[in-house]
Amino acid sequence: MIQMSDLKSQKRMAAEIMDVGKNRVRIDPEMQDKVSEAITRQDIRNLIEGGAISKKDEKGTSKARAKHNKKQKAKGLKKRSRLLYRRGQA
């Protein structure tokens, strides 16, 4: 079994080819031996096409908390307008 540190240059080349960061490059553990033998950019391109090297999905920002806060604030706004109406200030 090959150590991941031995695949450092392959990972760097794959990141450059796929135009992503090194952290987003995923090397299939089953294919590590083939990846370690790849020395040229063309070898890396072939491995990407073959599925031995792929890129991880981007992590997005969850809007769930923001949506919840907005909903709670909207409740407060409704309450305020009702209060003003009752006091005769609206």
PDB file of N, CA and C in Angstrom:
ATOM      1  N   MET A   1       0.846  -1.198   0.000  1.00  0.00           N
ATOM      2  CA  MET A   1       0.000   0.000   0.000  1.00  0.00           C
ATOM      3  C   MET A   1       0.885   1.253   0.000  1.00  0.00           C
ATOM      4  N   ILE A   2       0.566   2.190  -0.845  1.00  0.00           N
ATOM      5  CA  ILE A   2       1.331   3.432  -0.976  1.00  0.00           C
ATOM      6  C   ILE A   2       0.813   4.453   0.040  1.00  0.00           C
ATOM      7  N   GLN A   3       1.738   5.201   0.651  1.00  0.00           N
ATOM      8  CA  GLN A   3       1.348   6.270   1.564  1.00  0.00           C
ATOM      9  C   GLN A   3       0.866   7.469   0.747  1.00  0.00           C
ATOM     10  N   MET A   4      -0.081   8.229   1.300  1.00  0.00           N
ATOM     11  CA  MET A   4      -0.609   9.391   0.578  1.00  0.00           C
ATOM     12  C   MET A   4       0.474  10.449   0.355  1.00  0.00           C
ATOM     13  N   SER A   5       1.484  10.516   1.249  1.00  0.00           N
ATOM     14  CA  SER A   5       2.541  11.511   1.079  1.00  0.00           C
ATOM     15  C   SER A   5       3.364  11.228  -0.181  1.00  0.00           C
ATOM     16  N   ASP A   6       3.402   9.950  -0.614  1.00  0.00           N
ATOM     17  CA  ASP A   6       4.123   9.599  -1.833  1.00  0.00           C
ATOM     18  C   ASP A   6       3.395  10.099  -3.079  1.00  0.00           C
ATOM     19  N   LEU A   7       2.130  10.466  -2.940  1.00  0.00           N
ATOM     20  CA  LEU A   7       1.322  10.914  -4.078  1.00  0.00           C
ATOM     21  C   LEU A   7       1.210  12.439  -4.131  1.00  0.00           C
ATOM     22  N   LYS A   8       2.109  13.120  -3.430  1.00  0.00           N
ATOM     23  CA  LYS A   8       2.039  14.575  -3.314  1.00  0.00           C
ATOM     24  C   LYS A   8       2.109  15.272  -4.681  1.00  0.00           C
ATOM     25  N   SER A   9       3.069  14.869  -5.516  1.00  0.00           N
ATOM     26  CA  SER A   9       3.229  15.536  -6.818  1.00  0.00           C
ATOM     27  C   SER A   9       2.061  15.210  -7.750  1.00  0.00           C
ATOM     28  N   GLN A  10       1.544  13.981  -7.665  1.00  0.00           N
ATOM     29  CA  GLN A  10       0.399  13.605  -8.495  1.00  0.00           C
ATOM     30  C   GLN A  10      -0.834  14.419  -8.099  1.00  0.00           C
ATOM     31  N   LYS A  11      -0.995  14.612  -6.792  1.00  0.00           N
ATOM     32  CA  LYS A  11      -2.138  15.376  -6.288  1.00  0.00           C
ATOM     33  C   LYS A  11      -2.030  16.835  -6.733  1.00  0.00           C
ATOM     34  N   ARG A  12      -0.806  17.379  -6.675  1.00  0.00           N
ATOM     35  CA  ARG A  12      -0.577  18.764  -7.095  1.00  0.00           C
ATOM     36  C   ARG A  12      -0.895  18.937  -8.578  1.00  0.00           C
ATOM     37  N   MET A  13      -0.402  18.027  -9.403  1.00  0.00           N
ATOM     38  CA  MET A  13      -0.663  18.105 -10.846  1.00  0.00           C
ATOM     39  C   MET A  13      -2.151  17.971 -11.144  1.00  0.00           C
ATOM     40  N   ALA A  14      -2.809  17.044 -10.466  1.00  0.00           N
ATOM     41  CA  ALA A  14      -4.247  16.844 -10.680  1.00  0.00           C
ATOM     42  C   ALA A  14      -5.018  18.107 -10.311  1.00  0.00           C
ATOM     43  N   ALA A  15      -4.609  18.767  -9.224  1.00  0.00           N
ATOM     44  CA  ALA A  15      -5.274  20.003  -8.796  1.00  0.00           C
ATOM     45  C   ALA A  15      -5.120  21.083  -9.861  1.00  0.00           C
ATOM     46  N   GLU A  16      -3.937  21.191 -10.430  1.00  0.00           N
ATOM     47  CA  GLU A  16      -3.699  22.190 -11.476  1.00  0.00           C
ATOM     48  C   GLU A  16      -4.514  21.874 -12.730  1.00  0.00           C
ATOM     49  N   ILE A  17      -4.559  20.607 -13.108  1.00  0.00           N
ATOM     50  CA  ILE A  17      -5.285  20.207 -14.319  1.00  0.00           C
ATOM     51  C   ILE A  17      -6.785  20.450 -14.162  1.00  0.00           C
ATOM     52  N   MET A  18      -7.336  20.075 -12.984  1.00  0.00           N
ATOM     53  CA  MET A  18      -8.783  20.213 -12.758  1.00  0.00           C
ATOM     54  C   MET A  18      -9.161  21.615 -12.296  1.00  0.00           C
ATOM     55  N   ASP A  19      -8.150  22.472 -12.075  1.00  0.00           N
ATOM     56  CA  ASP A  19      -8.363  23.857 -11.639  1.00  0.00           C
ATOM     57  C   ASP A  19      -9.123  23.921 -10.313  1.00  0.00           C
ATOM     58  N   VAL A  20      -8.661  23.122  -9.352  1.00  0.00           N
ATOM     59  CA  VAL A  20      -9.204  23.146  -7.990  1.00  0.00           C
ATOM     60  C   VAL A  20      -8.029  23.141  -7.019  1.00  0.00           C
ATOM     61  N   GLY A  21      -8.322  23.324  -5.727  1.00  0.00           N
ATOM     62  CA  GLY A  21      -7.277  23.263  -4.714  1.00  0.00           C
ATOM     63  C   GLY A  21      -6.860  21.823  -4.447  1.00  0.00           C
ATOM     64  N   LYS A  22      -5.693  21.654  -3.818  1.00  0.00           N
ATOM     65  CA  LYS A  22      -5.185  20.309  -3.530  1.00  0.00           C
ATOM     66  C   LYS A  22      -6.106  19.542  -2.582  1.00  0.00           C
ATOM     67  N   ASN A  23      -6.785  20.260  -1.704  1.00  0.00           N
ATOM     68  CA  ASN A  23      -7.681  19.601  -0.746  1.00  0.00           C
ATOM     69  C   ASN A  23      -8.919  19.017  -1.410  1.00  0.00           C
ATOM     70  N   ARG A  24      -9.253  19.483  -2.608  1.00  0.00           N
ATOM     71  CA  ARG A  24     -10.456  18.983  -3.293  1.00  0.00           C
ATOM     72  C   ARG A  24     -10.169  17.815  -4.229  1.00  0.00           C
ATOM     73  N   VAL A  25      -8.914  17.395  -4.304  1.00  0.00           N
ATOM     74  CA  VAL A  25      -8.547  16.264  -5.157  1.00  0.00           C
ATOM     75  C   VAL A  25      -8.732  14.974  -4.361  1.00  0.00           C
ATOM     76  N   ARG A  26      -9.471  14.024  -4.949  1.00  0.00           N
ATOM     77  CA  ARG A  26      -9.687  12.729  -4.293  1.00  0.00           C
ATOM     78  C   ARG A  26      -9.053  11.642  -5.149  1.00  0.00           C
ATOM     79  N   ILE A  27      -8.204  10.842  -4.498  1.00  0.00           N
ATOM     80  CA  ILE A  27      -7.561   9.723  -5.183  1.00  0.00           C
ATOM     81  C   ILE A  27      -8.194   8.443  -4.659  1.00  0.00           C
ATOM     82  N   ASP A  28      -8.692   7.617  -5.570  1.00  0.00           N
ATOM     83  CA  ASP A  28      -9.342   6.360  -5.201  1.00  0.00           C
ATOM     84  C   ASP A  28      -8.319   5.446  -4.514  1.00  0.00           C
ATOM     85  N   PRO A  29      -8.595   5.021  -3.268  1.00  0.00           N
ATOM     86  CA  PRO A  29      -7.643   4.174  -2.537  1.00  0.00           C
ATOM     87  C   PRO A  29      -7.322   2.861  -3.263  1.00  0.00           C
ATOM     88  N   GLU A  30      -8.279   2.357  -4.027  1.00  0.00           N
ATOM     89  CA  GLU A  30      -8.060   1.103  -4.759  1.00  0.00           C
ATOM     90  C   GLU A  30      -7.058   1.282  -5.905  1.00  0.00           C
ATOM     91  N   MET A  31      -6.940   2.505  -6.399  1.00  0.00           N
ATOM     92  CA  MET A  31      -6.108   2.771  -7.579  1.00  0.00           C
ATOM     93  C   MET A  31      -4.805   3.492  -7.227  1.00  0.00           C
ATOM     94  N   GLN A  32      -4.419   3.512  -5.952  1.00  0.00           N
ATOM     95  CA  GLN A  32      -3.223   4.253  -5.541  1.00  0.00           C
ATOM     96  C   GLN A  32      -1.961   3.778  -6.246  1.00  0.00           C
ATOM     97  N   ASP A  33      -1.877   2.491  -6.508  1.00  0.00           N
ATOM     98  CA  ASP A  33      -0.681   1.963  -7.184  1.00  0.00           C
ATOM     99  C   ASP A  33      -0.544   2.551  -8.588  1.00  0.00           C
ATOM    100  N   LYS A  34      -1.661   2.606  -9.321  1.00  0.00           N
ATOM    101  CA  LYS A  34      -1.639   3.184 -10.677  1.00  0.00           C
ATOM    102  C   LYS A  34      -1.286   4.665 -10.619  1.00  0.00           C
ATOM    103  N   VAL A  35      -1.863   5.365  -9.638  1.00  0.00           N
ATOM    104  CA  VAL A  35      -1.628   6.809  -9.521  1.00  0.00           C
ATOM    105  C   VAL A  35      -0.159   7.068  -9.200  1.00  0.00           C
ATOM    106  N   SER A  36       0.445   6.237  -8.355  1.00  0.00           N
ATOM    107  CA  SER A  36       1.851   6.444  -7.979  1.00  0.00           C
ATOM    108  C   SER A  36       2.789   6.253  -9.174  1.00  0.00           C
ATOM    109  N   GLU A  37       2.374   5.470 -10.165  1.00  0.00           N
ATOM    110  CA  GLU A  37       3.194   5.248 -11.358  1.00  0.00           C
ATOM    111  C   GLU A  37       3.075   6.393 -12.365  1.00  0.00           C
ATOM    112  N   ALA A  38       2.069   7.239 -12.216  1.00  0.00           N
ATOM    113  CA  ALA A  38       1.852   8.349 -13.155  1.00  0.00           C
ATOM    114  C   ALA A  38       2.882   9.441 -12.894  1.00  0.00           C
ATOM    115  N   ILE A  39       3.634   9.793 -13.948  1.00  0.00           N
ATOM    116  CA  ILE A  39       4.635  10.835 -13.766  1.00  0.00           C
ATOM    117  C   ILE A  39       4.398  12.054 -14.652  1.00  0.00           C
ATOM    118  N   THR A  40       3.675  11.887 -15.732  1.00  0.00           N
ATOM    119  CA  THR A  40       3.445  13.025 -16.630  1.00  0.00           C
ATOM    120  C   THR A  40       2.023  13.560 -16.458  1.00  0.00           C
ATOM    121  N   ARG A  41       1.838  14.782 -16.931  1.00  0.00           N
ATOM    122  CA  ARG A  41       0.510  15.392 -16.871  1.00  0.00           C
ATOM    123  C   ARG A  41      -0.491  14.572 -17.689  1.00  0.00           C
ATOM    124  N   GLN A  42      -0.040  14.009 -18.793  1.00  0.00           N
ATOM    125  CA  GLN A  42      -0.928  13.191 -19.621  1.00  0.00           C
ATOM    126  C   GLN A  42      -1.367  11.938 -18.857  1.00  0.00           C
ATOM    127  N   ASP A  43      -0.458  11.351 -18.084  1.00  0.00           N
ATOM    128  CA  ASP A  43      -0.818  10.195 -17.246  1.00  0.00           C
ATOM    129  C   ASP A  43      -1.921  10.582 -16.266  1.00  0.00           C
ATOM    130  N   ILE A  44      -1.767  11.753 -15.662  1.00  0.00           N
ATOM    131  CA  ILE A  44      -2.753  12.235 -14.681  1.00  0.00           C
ATOM    132  C   ILE A  44      -4.090  12.480 -15.376  1.00  0.00           C
ATOM    133  N   ARG A  45      -4.063  13.084 -16.583  1.00  0.00           N
ATOM    134  CA  ARG A  45      -5.305  13.321 -17.334  1.00  0.00           C
ATOM    135  C   ARG A  45      -6.030  12.008 -17.621  1.00  0.00           C
ATOM    136  N   ASN A  46      -5.271  10.989 -18.003  1.00  0.00           N
ATOM    137  CA  ASN A  46      -5.865   9.678 -18.277  1.00  0.00           C
ATOM    138  C   ASN A  46      -6.505   9.088 -17.024  1.00  0.00           C
ATOM    139  N   LEU A  47      -5.863   9.272 -15.868  1.00  0.00           N
ATOM    140  CA  LEU A  47      -6.415   8.765 -14.607  1.00  0.00           C
ATOM    141  C   LEU A  47      -7.688   9.518 -14.217  1.00  0.00           C
ATOM    142  N   ILE A  48      -7.724  10.817 -14.528  1.00  0.00           N
ATOM    143  CA  ILE A  48      -8.927  11.614 -14.245  1.00  0.00           C
ATOM    144  C   ILE A  48     -10.080  11.103 -15.106  1.00  0.00           C
ATOM    145  N   GLU A  49      -9.799  10.864 -16.379  1.00  0.00           N
ATOM    146  CA  GLU A  49     -10.832  10.336 -17.283  1.00  0.00           C
ATOM    147  C   GLU A  49     -11.272   8.940 -16.861  1.00  0.00           C
ATOM    148  N   GLY A  50     -10.326   8.146 -16.344  1.00  0.00           N
ATOM    149  CA  GLY A  50     -10.625   6.781 -15.913  1.00  0.00           C
ATOM    150  C   GLY A  50     -11.335   6.705 -14.575  1.00  0.00           C
ATOM    151  N   GLY A  51     -11.355   7.798 -13.833  1.00  0.00           N
ATOM    152  CA  GLY A  51     -12.070   7.832 -12.559  1.00  0.00           C
ATOM    153  C   GLY A  51     -11.214   7.523 -11.343  1.00  0.00           C
ATOM    154  N   ALA A  52      -9.915   7.318 -11.536  1.00  0.00           N
ATOM    155  CA  ALA A  52      -9.026   7.047 -10.401  1.00  0.00           C
ATOM    156  C   ALA A  52      -8.807   8.317  -9.586  1.00  0.00           C
ATOM    157  N   ILE A  53      -8.847   9.455 -10.264  1.00  0.00           N
ATOM    158  CA  ILE A  53      -8.715  10.755  -9.600  1.00  0.00           C
ATOM    159  C   ILE A  53      -9.969  11.552  -9.912  1.00  0.00           C
ATOM    160  N   SER A  54     -10.550  12.135  -8.876  1.00  0.00           N
ATOM    161  CA  SER A  54     -11.752  12.952  -9.080  1.00  0.00           C
ATOM    162  C   SER A  54     -11.680  14.161  -8.163  1.00  0.00           C
ATOM    163  N   LYS A  55     -12.614  15.094  -8.370  1.00  0.00           N
ATOM    164  CA  LYS A  55     -12.626  16.254  -7.473  1.00  0.00           C
ATOM    165  C   LYS A  55     -13.836  16.187  -6.563  1.00  0.00           C
ATOM    166  N   LYS A  56     -13.614  16.576  -5.310  1.00  0.00           N
ATOM    167  CA  LYS A  56     -14.686  16.580  -4.317  1.00  0.00           C
ATOM    168  C   LYS A  56     -15.604  17.765  -4.586  1.00  0.00           C
ATOM    169  N   ASP A  57     -16.862  17.645  -4.169  1.00  0.00           N
ATOM    170  CA  ASP A  57     -17.814  18.738  -4.332  1.00  0.00           C
ATOM    171  C   ASP A  57     -17.426  19.909  -3.442  1.00  0.00           C
ATOM    172  N   GLU A  58     -17.789  21.104  -3.899  1.00  0.00           N
ATOM    173  CA  GLU A  58     -17.553  22.301  -3.106  1.00  0.00           C
ATOM    174  C   GLU A  58     -18.498  22.336  -1.926  1.00  0.00           C
ATOM    175  N   LYS A  59     -18.008  22.822  -0.796  1.00  0.00           N
ATOM    176  CA  LYS A  59     -18.880  22.986   0.362  1.00  0.00           C
ATOM    177  C   LYS A  59     -19.521  24.362   0.261  1.00  0.00           C
ATOM    178  N   GLY A  60     -20.828  24.407   0.433  1.00  0.00           N
ATOM    179  CA  GLY A  60     -21.533  25.682   0.363  1.00  0.00           C
ATOM    180  C   GLY A  60     -21.894  26.176   1.752  1.00  0.00           C
ATOM    181  N   THR A  61     -22.433  27.379   1.816  1.00  0.00           N
ATOM    182  CA  THR A  61     -22.875  27.937   3.080  1.00  0.00           C
ATOM    183  C   THR A  61     -24.343  27.622   3.253  1.00  0.00           C
ATOM    184  N   SER A  62     -24.683  27.013   4.377  1.00  0.00           N
ATOM    185  CA  SER A  62     -26.075  26.665   4.641  1.00  0.00           C
ATOM    186  C   SER A  62     -26.847  27.924   5.020  1.00  0.00           C
ATOM    187  N   LYS A  63     -28.026  28.091   4.426  1.00  0.00           N
ATOM    188  CA  LYS A  63     -28.835  29.276   4.715  1.00  0.00           C
ATOM    189  C   LYS A  63     -29.928  28.963   5.737  1.00  0.00           C
ATOM    190  N   ALA A  64     -29.928  27.763   6.297  1.00  0.00           N
ATOM    191  CA  ALA A  64     -31.002  27.340   7.196  1.00  0.00           C
ATOM    192  C   ALA A  64     -31.123  28.273   8.398  1.00  0.00           C
ATOM    193  N   ARG A  65     -29.996  28.597   9.033  1.00  0.00           N
ATOM    194  CA  ARG A  65     -30.026  29.446  10.218  1.00  0.00           C
ATOM    195  C   ARG A  65     -30.518  30.843   9.865  1.00  0.00           C
ATOM    196  N   ALA A  66     -30.062  31.377   8.740  1.00  0.00           N
ATOM    197  CA  ALA A  66     -30.465  32.714   8.308  1.00  0.00           C
ATOM    198  C   ALA A  66     -31.962  32.760   8.020  1.00  0.00           C
ATOM    199  N   LYS A  67     -32.485  31.707   7.380  1.00  0.00           N
ATOM    200  CA  LYS A  67     -33.918  31.655   7.087  1.00  0.00           C
ATOM    201  C   LYS A  67     -34.729  31.625   8.371  1.00  0.00           C
ATOM    202  N   HIS A  68     -34.275  30.839   9.344  1.00  0.00           N
ATOM    203  CA  HIS A  68     -34.986  30.732  10.620  1.00  0.00           C
ATOM    204  C   HIS A  68     -34.999  32.089  11.325  1.00  0.00           C
ATOM    205  N   ASN A  69     -33.838  32.753  11.368  1.00  0.00           N
ATOM    206  CA  ASN A  69     -33.758  34.063  12.019  1.00  0.00           C
ATOM    207  C   ASN A  69     -34.673  35.074  11.338  1.00  0.00           C
ATOM    208  N   LYS A  70     -34.719  35.045  10.022  1.00  0.00           N
ATOM    209  CA  LYS A  70     -35.571  35.969   9.276  1.00  0.00           C
ATOM    210  C   LYS A  70     -37.037  35.732   9.616  1.00  0.00           C
ATOM    211  N   LYS A  71     -37.420  34.455   9.713  1.00  0.00           N
ATOM    212  CA  LYS A  71     -38.800  34.101  10.046  1.00  0.00           C
ATOM    213  C   LYS A  71     -39.157  34.606  11.448  1.00  0.00           C
ATOM    214  N   GLN A  72     -38.232  34.425  12.394  1.00  0.00           N
ATOM    215  CA  GLN A  72     -38.481  34.867  13.763  1.00  0.00           C
ATOM    216  C   GLN A  72     -38.591  36.395  13.834  1.00  0.00           C
ATOM    217  N   LYS A  73     -37.748  37.093  13.080  1.00  0.00           N
ATOM    218  CA  LYS A  73     -37.799  38.553  13.068  1.00  0.00           C
ATOM    219  C   LYS A  73     -39.106  39.045  12.460  1.00  0.00           C
ATOM    220  N   ALA A  74     -39.585  38.350  11.435  1.00  0.00           N
ATOM    221  CA  ALA A  74     -40.845  38.729  10.798  1.00  0.00           C
ATOM    222  C   ALA A  74     -41.989  38.640  11.799  1.00  0.00           C
ATOM    223  N   LYS A  75     -41.949  37.645  12.665  1.00  0.00           N
ATOM    224  CA  LYS A  75     -42.977  37.510  13.705  1.00  0.00           C
ATOM    225  C   LYS A  75     -42.972  38.741  14.605  1.00  0.00           C
ATOM    226  N   GLY A  76     -41.785  39.197  14.949  1.00  0.00           N
ATOM    227  CA  GLY A  76     -41.663  40.369  15.811  1.00  0.00           C
ATOM    228  C   GLY A  76     -42.201  41.614  15.135  1.00  0.00           C
ATOM    229  N   LEU A  77     -41.964  41.758  13.850  1.00  0.00           N
ATOM    230  CA  LEU A  77     -42.446  42.923  13.112  1.00  0.00           C
ATOM    231  C   LEU A  77     -43.969  42.967  13.109  1.00  0.00           C
ATOM    232  N   LYS A  78     -44.587  41.810  12.930  1.00  0.00           N
ATOM    233  CA  LYS A  78     -46.050  41.746  12.936  1.00  0.00           C
ATOM    234  C   LYS A  78     -46.581  42.159  14.299  1.00  0.00           C
ATOM    235  N   LYS A  79     -45.938  41.683  15.340  1.00  0.00           N
ATOM    236  CA  LYS A  79     -46.370  41.980  16.706  1.00  0.00           C
ATOM    237  C   LYS A  79     -46.297  43.491  16.959  1.00  0.00           C
ATOM    238  N   ARG A  80     -45.223  44.125  16.514  1.00  0.00           N
ATOM    239  CA  ARG A  80     -45.021  45.565  16.716  1.00  0.00           C
ATOM    240  C   ARG A  80     -46.124  46.360  16.014  1.00  0.00           C
ATOM    241  N   SER A  81     -46.450  45.991  14.777  1.00  0.00           N
ATOM    242  CA  SER A  81     -47.467  46.750  14.047  1.00  0.00           C
ATOM    243  C   SER A  81     -48.835  46.590  14.703  1.00  0.00           C
ATOM    244  N   ARG A  82     -49.117  45.417  15.266  1.00  0.00           N
ATOM    245  CA  ARG A  82     -50.391  45.210  15.970  1.00  0.00           C
ATOM    246  C   ARG A  82     -50.464  46.087  17.211  1.00  0.00           C
ATOM    247  N   LEU A  83     -49.339  46.172  17.923  1.00  0.00           N
ATOM    248  CA  LEU A  83     -49.299  46.997  19.130  1.00  0.00           C
ATOM    249  C   LEU A  83     -49.571  48.458  18.805  1.00  0.00           C
ATOM    250  N   LEU A  84     -48.903  48.961  17.774  1.00  0.00           N
ATOM    251  CA  LEU A  84     -49.083  50.355  17.382  1.00  0.00           C
ATOM    252  C   LEU A  84     -50.525  50.616  16.955  1.00  0.00           C
ATOM    253  N   TYR A  85     -51.136  49.664  16.250  1.00  0.00           N
ATOM    254  CA  TYR A  85     -52.511  49.801  15.807  1.00  0.00           C
ATOM    255  C   TYR A  85     -53.445  49.913  17.009  1.00  0.00           C
ATOM    256  N   ARG A  86     -53.211  49.069  17.995  1.00  0.00           N
ATOM    257  CA  ARG A  86     -54.064  49.077  19.191  1.00  0.00           C
ATOM    258  C   ARG A  86     -53.930  50.380  19.966  1.00  0.00           C
ATOM    259  N   ARG A  87     -52.731  50.945  19.968  1.00  0.00           N
ATOM    260  CA  ARG A  87     -52.510  52.186  20.709  1.00  0.00           C
ATOM    261  C   ARG A  87     -53.005  53.408  19.927  1.00  0.00           C
ATOM    262  N   GLY A  88     -53.330  53.189  18.662  1.00  0.00           N
ATOM    263  CA  GLY A  88     -53.811  54.299  17.849  1.00  0.00           C
ATOM    264  C   GLY A  88     -52.694  55.151  17.292  1.00  0.00           C
ATOM    265  N   GLN A  89     -51.497  54.607  17.233  1.00  0.00           N
ATOM    266  CA  GLN A  89     -50.350  55.369  16.738  1.00  0.00           C
ATOM    267  C   GLN A  89     -50.055  55.088  15.272  1.00  0.00           C
ATOM    268  N   ALA A  90     -50.727  54.121  14.685  1.00  0.00           N
ATOM    269  CA  ALA A  90     -50.423  53.774  13.299  1.00  0.00           C
ATOM    270  C   ALA A  90     -51.356  54.492  12.345  1.00  0.00           C
TER     271      ALA A  90
END
